[in-house]
Protein backbone atom coordinates (compact mmCIF):
# COMPACT_ATOMS: atom_id res chain seq x y z
CA MET A 1 97.62 120.43 72.35
CA SER A 2 101.41 119.13 71.79
CA VAL A 3 102.87 116.04 69.37
CA ILE A 4 105.93 114.42 68.50
CA THR A 5 107.59 115.73 65.24
CA ALA A 6 109.97 114.33 63.09
CA THR A 7 113.50 115.34 62.44
CA ARG A 8 114.70 115.22 58.75
CA ASN A 9 116.98 112.43 60.21
CA GLY A 10 114.35 109.68 61.26
CA ARG A 11 114.61 110.73 65.02
CA ALA A 12 112.14 112.17 67.37
CA SER A 13 112.47 115.91 68.45
CA LYS A 14 111.07 117.45 71.34
CA ARG A 15 107.75 117.89 71.60
CA MET A 16 106.09 121.20 70.04
CA PRO A 17 102.51 122.71 69.74
CA VAL A 18 100.68 121.76 66.79
CA GLU A 19 99.81 125.69 65.74
CA SER A 20 103.75 125.52 64.89
CA ALA A 21 104.34 123.89 63.07
CA GLY A 22 104.67 125.27 59.61
CA ALA A 23 106.65 123.21 57.78
CA VAL A 24 106.22 123.26 53.84
CA LEU A 25 104.52 119.72 52.65
CA PRO A 26 104.58 118.73 49.54
CA ASN A 27 101.73 117.52 47.75
CA ARG A 28 102.87 115.37 45.52
CA LEU A 29 103.77 112.09 47.73
CA ASP A 30 105.72 109.49 45.12
CA THR A 31 105.86 106.60 47.72
CA LEU A 32 101.85 106.59 48.00
CA THR A 33 101.84 106.56 43.80
CA SER A 34 104.16 103.67 43.72
CA LEU A 35 101.86 101.43 46.68
CA ARG A 36 99.31 101.81 44.46
CA PHE A 37 100.15 99.37 42.10
CA PHE A 38 101.13 97.12 44.90
CA ALA A 39 97.50 97.08 45.77
CA ALA A 40 96.04 96.95 42.52
CA PHE A 41 98.30 93.56 41.83
CA ALA A 42 97.19 92.06 45.46
CA VAL A 43 93.53 92.40 43.42
CA PHE A 44 94.76 90.99 40.55
CA ALA A 45 96.25 88.04 42.76
CA HIS A 46 93.13 87.21 44.15
CA HIS A 47 90.90 87.05 41.12
CA PHE A 48 93.86 85.40 39.26
CA THR A 49 94.10 82.55 42.13
CA GLY A 50 90.40 83.14 42.72
CA ALA A 51 88.26 81.25 45.54
CA GLY A 52 89.10 77.44 44.97
CA HIS A 53 87.62 75.50 41.65
CA GLN A 54 84.81 78.42 41.27
CA THR A 55 86.78 81.07 40.13
CA GLY A 56 90.20 82.17 38.52
CA PHE A 57 92.88 81.05 36.56
CA GLY A 58 95.04 78.67 38.51
CA LEU A 59 95.31 78.16 42.28
CA ALA A 60 98.66 78.19 43.75
CA PRO A 61 99.02 76.41 47.24
CA SER A 62 101.70 78.78 48.09
CA ILE A 63 99.63 81.92 48.56
CA PHE A 64 96.24 80.32 48.40
CA PRO A 65 94.40 80.76 50.80
CA TYR A 66 96.29 84.26 52.08
CA SER A 67 96.07 85.64 48.04
CA GLU A 68 92.26 85.82 48.76
CA MET A 69 92.63 88.83 51.63
CA GLY A 70 94.41 90.54 47.81
CA GLY A 71 90.56 91.29 47.60
CA HIS A 72 90.96 93.90 50.27
CA GLY A 73 93.62 95.95 48.23
CA VAL A 74 90.62 97.96 47.73
CA THR A 75 90.04 99.08 51.27
CA PHE A 76 93.83 100.34 50.84
CA PHE A 77 91.87 102.72 47.70
CA PHE A 78 89.20 104.14 49.44
CA VAL A 79 91.12 105.05 52.74
CA LEU A 80 93.86 106.28 49.95
CA SER A 81 90.97 108.70 48.02
CA GLY A 82 90.49 109.95 51.62
CA PHE A 83 93.52 110.88 52.25
CA LEU A 84 94.72 112.47 48.57
CA LEU A 85 91.59 114.34 48.34
CA THR A 86 92.34 115.85 51.72
CA TRP A 87 95.89 116.32 51.41
CA VAL A 88 96.12 118.56 48.28
CA TYR A 89 92.52 120.12 49.13
CA LYS A 90 91.45 123.49 48.08
CA PRO A 91 88.99 125.14 49.96
CA HIS A 92 88.05 128.27 47.45
CA GLU A 93 87.53 125.19 44.09
CA HIS A 94 84.17 125.55 42.87
CA PRO A 95 82.30 121.98 43.32
CA PHE A 96 81.93 121.63 39.59
CA ALA A 97 85.55 121.89 38.80
CA PHE A 98 86.00 119.20 41.40
CA TYR A 99 84.24 117.16 39.85
CA ILE A 100 84.96 117.30 36.18
CA ARG A 101 88.47 116.72 37.52
CA ARG A 102 87.42 113.93 39.32
CA VAL A 103 85.09 112.00 35.93
CA ALA A 104 88.17 113.18 33.83
CA ARG A 105 90.84 111.54 35.72
CA ILE A 106 88.36 107.88 36.00
CA TRP A 107 85.92 107.89 33.33
CA PRO A 108 87.38 108.21 29.92
CA ALA A 109 89.66 104.51 30.87
CA THR A 110 86.41 103.14 32.36
CA LEU A 111 84.48 103.61 29.33
CA VAL A 112 87.33 101.58 27.25
CA ALA A 113 87.69 99.13 29.43
CA ALA A 114 84.19 98.35 29.48
CA VAL A 115 84.31 97.06 25.92
CA LEU A 116 86.41 94.78 26.63
CA ALA A 117 84.34 93.66 29.55
CA TYR A 118 81.18 93.26 27.43
CA TYR A 119 83.19 91.07 25.53
CA VAL A 120 84.63 89.04 28.03
CA PHE A 121 81.81 88.50 30.50
CA TYR A 122 78.60 88.94 27.94
CA GLU A 123 80.03 87.67 24.34
CA ARG A 124 82.77 85.11 25.17
CA ALA A 125 80.41 84.05 28.86
CA ASN A 126 77.28 83.32 26.75
CA LEU A 127 75.54 85.17 28.29
CA ALA A 128 72.42 88.04 27.91
CA VAL A 129 72.92 91.50 28.96
CA GLU A 130 70.47 92.69 31.40
CA TRP A 131 70.31 96.43 30.21
CA LYS A 132 69.35 98.68 32.82
CA SER A 133 72.13 96.62 35.20
CA PHE A 134 75.02 97.44 32.45
CA ILE A 135 73.99 100.70 31.99
CA ALA A 136 73.99 101.36 35.62
CA SER A 137 77.50 99.99 35.67
CA ILE A 138 79.16 102.37 32.79
CA PHE A 139 77.51 105.49 34.31
CA LEU A 140 78.93 103.71 38.13
CA VAL A 141 75.87 103.77 40.17
CA GLN A 142 75.59 99.79 40.02
CA ASN A 143 75.80 99.32 43.85
CA TRP A 144 72.38 101.01 44.33
CA LEU A 145 70.73 98.59 42.67
CA PRO A 146 69.78 95.80 45.37
CA ASP A 147 68.24 93.53 41.87
CA ALA A 148 71.54 94.52 39.66
CA THR A 149 72.22 91.69 37.08
CA PRO A 150 74.59 89.97 37.56
CA THR A 151 75.65 91.15 41.38
CA LEU A 152 78.58 92.93 39.41
CA PRO A 153 77.05 94.05 36.25
CA GLY A 154 79.48 95.29 33.27
CA ASN A 155 82.98 95.63 34.37
CA PRO A 156 82.61 93.82 38.01
CA VAL A 157 85.89 95.42 39.29
CA THR A 158 84.21 99.02 38.75
CA TRP A 159 81.88 98.01 41.61
CA THR A 160 84.69 99.86 43.68
CA LEU A 161 84.30 103.25 41.14
CA SER A 162 80.29 102.83 42.59
CA VAL A 163 81.77 103.38 46.17
CA GLU A 164 84.32 106.10 45.07
CA ILE A 165 81.77 108.24 42.78
CA LEU A 166 80.02 108.73 46.72
CA PHE A 167 83.03 109.50 47.83
CA TYR A 168 83.44 112.34 45.27
CA ALA A 169 80.16 113.30 45.45
CA LEU A 170 80.42 114.71 48.80
CA PHE A 171 83.75 115.92 49.78
CA PRO A 172 83.44 118.98 48.30
CA LEU A 173 80.75 118.97 51.57
CA LEU A 174 81.93 117.21 53.49
CA ALA A 175 85.57 118.57 53.47
CA ARG A 176 84.26 121.80 54.39
CA PHE A 177 83.61 121.10 58.09
CA VAL A 178 85.88 117.80 58.37
CA VAL A 179 89.20 120.15 58.00
CA ARG A 180 87.56 122.91 60.69
CA MET A 181 87.05 120.14 63.23
CA ARG A 182 88.30 119.98 66.55
CA THR A 183 90.86 116.75 66.26
CA PRO A 184 89.50 114.90 69.08
CA LEU A 185 85.86 115.12 67.74
CA LEU A 186 87.72 114.05 64.20
CA VAL A 187 89.28 111.11 65.55
CA GLY A 188 86.38 109.99 67.38
CA LEU A 189 83.78 110.68 64.75
CA THR A 190 86.67 108.10 62.54
CA ILE A 191 86.63 105.67 65.36
CA LEU A 192 82.77 105.48 65.51
CA GLY A 193 82.29 104.92 61.58
CA LEU A 194 84.56 102.14 61.65
CA VAL A 195 82.88 100.21 64.76
CA CYS A 196 79.44 101.38 63.26
CA MET A 197 81.26 99.39 60.00
CA TRP A 198 81.46 96.64 62.00
CA ALA A 199 78.10 96.45 63.52
CA VAL A 200 76.04 96.85 59.89
CA ASN A 201 78.02 94.02 59.01
CA TRP A 202 77.23 91.75 61.77
CA TRP A 203 73.49 93.02 61.70
CA ALA A 204 73.23 92.37 58.06
CA TYR A 205 74.24 88.92 57.92
CA GLU A 206 72.44 87.81 61.10
CA ASN A 207 69.04 89.29 59.70
CA LEU A 208 69.37 89.64 56.17
CA ALA A 209 69.15 86.65 53.49
CA PRO A 210 73.03 86.57 52.12
CA GLY A 211 72.44 87.98 49.35
CA THR A 212 70.55 90.90 50.60
CA ALA A 213 73.48 91.39 53.43
CA ARG A 214 76.70 91.41 50.73
CA TRP A 215 74.24 93.94 48.65
CA VAL A 216 74.48 96.12 51.35
CA MET A 217 78.29 95.39 52.12
CA ARG A 218 78.66 96.69 49.02
CA HIS A 219 76.79 99.43 49.32
CA PRO A 220 78.76 102.84 48.94
CA LEU A 221 77.62 104.33 52.43
CA VAL A 222 78.89 101.55 54.71
CA TYR A 223 82.69 102.16 52.75
CA LEU A 224 82.25 106.11 53.97
CA PRO A 225 83.88 105.58 57.07
CA GLN A 226 87.16 104.10 55.06
CA PHE A 227 86.96 107.58 53.23
CA LEU A 228 86.50 109.22 56.80
CA LEU A 229 89.96 107.31 58.28
CA GLY A 230 91.70 108.75 54.77
CA MET A 231 91.02 112.41 55.34
CA THR A 232 91.56 112.02 59.07
CA ILE A 233 95.03 110.74 58.41
CA ALA A 234 95.67 113.29 55.99
CA LEU A 235 94.71 115.99 58.52
CA LEU A 236 96.18 114.65 61.72
CA LEU A 237 99.65 114.64 59.32
CA ARG A 238 99.00 118.24 58.22
CA ARG A 239 98.05 119.28 61.80
CA GLY A 240 101.73 118.37 63.00
CA PHE A 241 101.02 114.79 63.94
CA ARG A 242 103.76 112.66 64.55
CA ILE A 243 104.02 108.82 65.18
CA PRO A 244 107.45 106.88 65.24
CA MET A 245 106.85 104.29 63.10
CA ARG A 246 109.07 103.33 60.50
CA PRO A 247 107.11 101.32 57.26
CA ILE A 248 108.12 98.14 58.03
CA VAL A 249 106.26 97.47 61.43
CA PRO A 250 102.74 98.31 59.69
CA LEU A 251 103.62 96.05 56.63
CA ALA A 252 104.96 93.25 59.00
CA LEU A 253 101.96 93.77 60.90
CA LEU A 254 99.72 93.11 57.27
CA LEU A 255 101.52 90.26 57.31
CA ALA A 256 100.74 88.61 60.74
CA TYR A 257 97.22 89.72 60.07
CA VAL A 258 97.05 87.91 57.35
CA TYR A 259 98.66 84.75 58.02
CA GLY A 260 96.82 84.67 61.41
CA PHE A 261 93.56 85.21 59.90
CA PHE A 262 93.47 82.18 57.83
CA GLN A 263 94.82 80.39 61.04
CA LEU A 264 92.03 81.50 62.98
CA ARG A 265 89.80 80.44 60.51
CA ALA A 266 90.59 77.17 60.13
CA SER A 267 90.37 76.71 63.65
CA LEU A 268 87.69 78.47 65.07
CA SER A 269 83.96 77.85 66.00
CA ALA A 270 81.41 79.45 63.21
CA ASP A 271 80.28 81.94 65.50
CA TYR A 272 84.19 83.60 65.95
CA VAL A 273 84.87 83.05 62.28
CA ALA A 274 81.71 85.02 61.97
CA GLN A 275 82.62 87.90 64.37
CA LEU A 276 86.48 87.75 62.34
CA GLU A 277 84.95 88.46 59.07
CA TYR A 278 82.66 91.13 60.46
CA THR A 279 85.54 92.56 61.54
CA LEU A 280 88.16 92.82 58.75
CA ARG A 281 87.08 95.45 56.86
CA PRO A 282 87.76 98.22 59.36
CA THR A 283 90.73 96.33 60.42
CA VAL A 284 92.44 95.63 57.28
CA ALA A 285 91.20 100.43 57.06
CA VAL A 286 92.99 100.86 60.05
CA ILE A 287 96.62 99.04 59.04
CA ALA A 288 96.31 100.70 55.39
CA GLY A 289 96.07 103.91 57.50
CA LEU A 290 99.07 102.67 59.49
CA ILE A 291 100.97 102.33 56.18
CA ILE A 292 100.05 105.32 54.36
CA ILE A 293 101.40 107.56 57.67
CA ALA A 294 104.22 105.56 58.00
CA PHE A 295 105.43 106.28 54.33
CA VAL A 296 104.54 109.79 53.94
CA GLN A 297 105.66 110.82 57.04
CA ARG A 298 109.04 109.11 56.24
CA GLU A 299 108.71 111.14 52.43
CA ILE A 300 107.61 114.41 54.06
CA ALA A 301 111.26 114.00 56.23
CA GLY A 302 113.52 113.55 52.98
CA HIS A 303 113.90 110.53 52.72
CA ARG A 304 113.46 108.15 49.60
CA GLY A 305 113.27 104.73 49.06
CA LEU A 306 112.95 101.74 46.83
CA LEU A 307 109.01 103.45 46.24
CA ASN A 308 110.65 106.74 45.12
CA LYS A 309 112.35 104.87 42.20
CA LYS A 310 110.68 105.58 38.66
CA PRO A 311 109.91 102.52 37.63
CA LEU A 312 107.55 102.29 40.12
CA ILE A 313 106.37 105.42 40.40
CA LEU A 314 105.28 104.86 36.38
CA LEU A 315 103.50 101.42 37.80
CA GLY A 316 101.96 103.50 40.45
CA VAL A 317 100.43 105.89 37.71
CA TRP A 318 99.33 102.69 35.26
CA SER A 319 97.74 100.95 38.49
CA PHE A 320 94.41 102.44 37.38
CA SER A 321 94.28 100.99 33.84
CA PHE A 322 95.77 97.60 35.14
CA TYR A 323 93.03 97.37 37.72
CA LEU A 324 90.12 98.22 35.06
CA LEU A 325 92.05 95.45 32.64
CA HIS A 326 93.09 92.55 34.82
CA HIS A 327 89.69 90.90 35.78
CA ALA A 328 88.70 90.80 32.16
CA VAL A 329 91.93 89.30 30.84
CA ILE A 330 92.46 86.92 33.66
CA ARG A 331 88.77 85.71 33.03
CA LEU A 332 89.49 85.82 29.07
CA ALA A 333 92.60 83.65 29.76
CA THR A 334 90.31 80.72 30.85
CA TYR A 335 87.97 81.21 28.51
CA GLU A 336 90.52 80.58 26.01
CA TRP A 337 93.09 77.80 27.71
CA GLY A 338 90.97 76.61 30.72
CA ARG A 339 91.77 76.55 34.40
CA GLY A 340 95.60 76.15 34.73
CA GLN A 341 96.84 73.77 37.29
CA ASP A 342 96.59 74.20 40.51
CA ARG A 343 100.07 73.85 41.47
CA ASP A 344 102.81 76.56 42.46
CA SER A 345 103.83 76.71 38.91
CA VAL A 346 100.94 78.64 37.73
CA LEU A 347 103.15 81.67 39.52
CA PHE A 348 104.60 81.98 36.80
CA THR A 349 100.86 81.96 34.64
CA MET A 350 100.55 84.54 36.99
CA LEU A 351 103.80 86.73 36.87
CA GLY A 352 103.44 87.11 32.91
CA MET A 353 99.85 87.47 32.65
CA GLY A 354 100.64 90.57 34.82
CA LEU A 355 103.41 91.61 32.95
CA VAL A 356 101.12 91.48 29.50
CA ILE A 357 97.99 93.47 31.53
CA VAL A 358 100.65 96.06 32.54
CA ALA A 359 101.71 96.50 29.06
CA MET A 360 97.74 96.96 28.27
CA SER A 361 98.25 99.20 31.21
CA TRP A 362 100.37 101.93 29.97
CA ALA A 363 98.84 101.72 26.56
CA LEU A 364 95.43 102.74 27.99
CA TYR A 365 96.76 105.26 30.18
CA ARG A 366 98.89 106.44 27.25
CA PHE A 367 96.16 106.90 24.64
CA VAL A 368 93.47 107.30 26.94
CA GLU A 369 93.19 107.79 30.44
CA GLU A 370 96.08 110.85 30.86
CA PRO A 371 94.89 112.80 26.74
CA ALA A 372 91.25 112.47 28.14
CA ASN A 373 92.09 114.08 31.02
CA ARG A 374 94.30 116.75 30.19
CA TRP A 375 91.45 117.56 27.78
CA LEU A 376 88.76 117.82 29.82
CA VAL A 377 90.23 119.37 32.91
CA ARG A 378 91.77 121.90 29.95
CA ARG A 379 88.02 122.81 29.49
CA ILE A 380 86.84 123.59 32.97
CA PRO A 381 85.64 127.35 32.92
CA ALA A 382 88.08 130.11 34.52
CA ARG A 383 85.58 131.30 36.73
CA TRP A 384 85.49 127.61 38.45
CA ARG A 385 88.98 127.60 38.67
CA PRO A 386 90.21 127.96 42.93
CA ALA A 387 92.12 131.86 43.55
CA PRO A 388 95.06 131.99 43.78
CA PRO A 389 96.59 131.22 47.32
CA ALA A 390 97.63 134.58 49.06
CA ALA A 391 100.51 135.89 49.51
CA PRO A 392 102.57 134.39 52.87
CA ALA A 393 102.53 137.53 55.77
CA ALA A 394 106.07 137.56 56.70
CA SER A 395 108.69 138.32 53.10
CA GLY A 396 110.39 135.16 52.80
CA THR A 397 108.12 132.63 54.54
CA PRO A 398 106.83 129.97 52.10
CA ALA A 399 103.39 128.90 52.32
CA ALA A 400 102.59 125.39 52.89
CA PRO A 401 100.70 123.85 49.66
CA ALA A 402 97.27 123.57 49.85
CA ALA A 403 97.72 124.47 53.54
CA SER A 404 95.42 126.93 54.73
CA GLU A 405 93.98 128.35 57.61
CA ALA A 406 91.13 125.49 57.32
CA TYR A 407 93.66 122.91 58.35
CA SER A 408 94.34 124.05 62.16
CA THR A 409 92.24 123.25 65.04
CA ARG A 410 90.03 125.55 66.32
């Protein structure tokens, strides 16, 4: 098998066998860290502008309804999770050690953010607590409950963490098989999964009650194809595959898709609009995958740009806390001051609120997320830690980080 590789100056080199690609690949990819913030901010923009006069602080005509697509920033997170976990996969790490690392990273900050969410979405909203659903949200299993009350209990945004928990639970077993799959089979299964995602969406909304269909499309199992897409991209890049594509190409594709989606939705018949909606999740996942490919290729080729700057990297580091806090802050502002006027000047409010949430995110990361993560990880038993990598076969030849023989095709 042969592929097109990229030289350090970005130009395509001659074709070479995948098996000969032995360059040292970095574990840390700063551009992806920075991109996490933009995905989180897209979700924030969606919740801020809301859906018409029903939710959100204020509607800005210049970005609405396009801001509604920001809610699918979570798709980027799902694809990115599969990519990053596979990129740094440690074949000899004990599954319990992996689980502790994942819990240490997401749960402490989730618990603290739940306190604010409880006040905003229950106390301030004068709503009674349905404790079964609320406790399920604390343990991030709420998406498995078809009768959860309200539909997104606890901190509403944590429905995505309920999806991530399934990814984490399956990854140690799933990775053991996926990293050894031949590339054509892996790509074929990934495509089939995305097609099935579209088919399930179609079937659910055509055959089930609307509320049940919405629950089906929040179910963690439905999002496994997006996670597998991220895993596949990581393996392809580690196996030496390269696509001659600058980051501007998938970014422009994303903008064109967002614009075209809403233009078509306004002009097509109901049946065609339904199909447009059913293909939305798989399509955004593919575009997210292309964005990841383009930026990772650029970074491992040695190029550094704006996304490698420390301020954006820090925003990316704080993005998980930002995501956990933003919806509660928006809703609290709406309760305190009422909805803003639906005009473009509300964008200044959105930016100001965003800065406030960034400051809160820094505090949550600095005093909860990171120290709790370090404390828990330090307590992983030594017997569960991965064995040190084997010494290189040839003297002076470095081994690629986390790139065991399991990454190669058979």
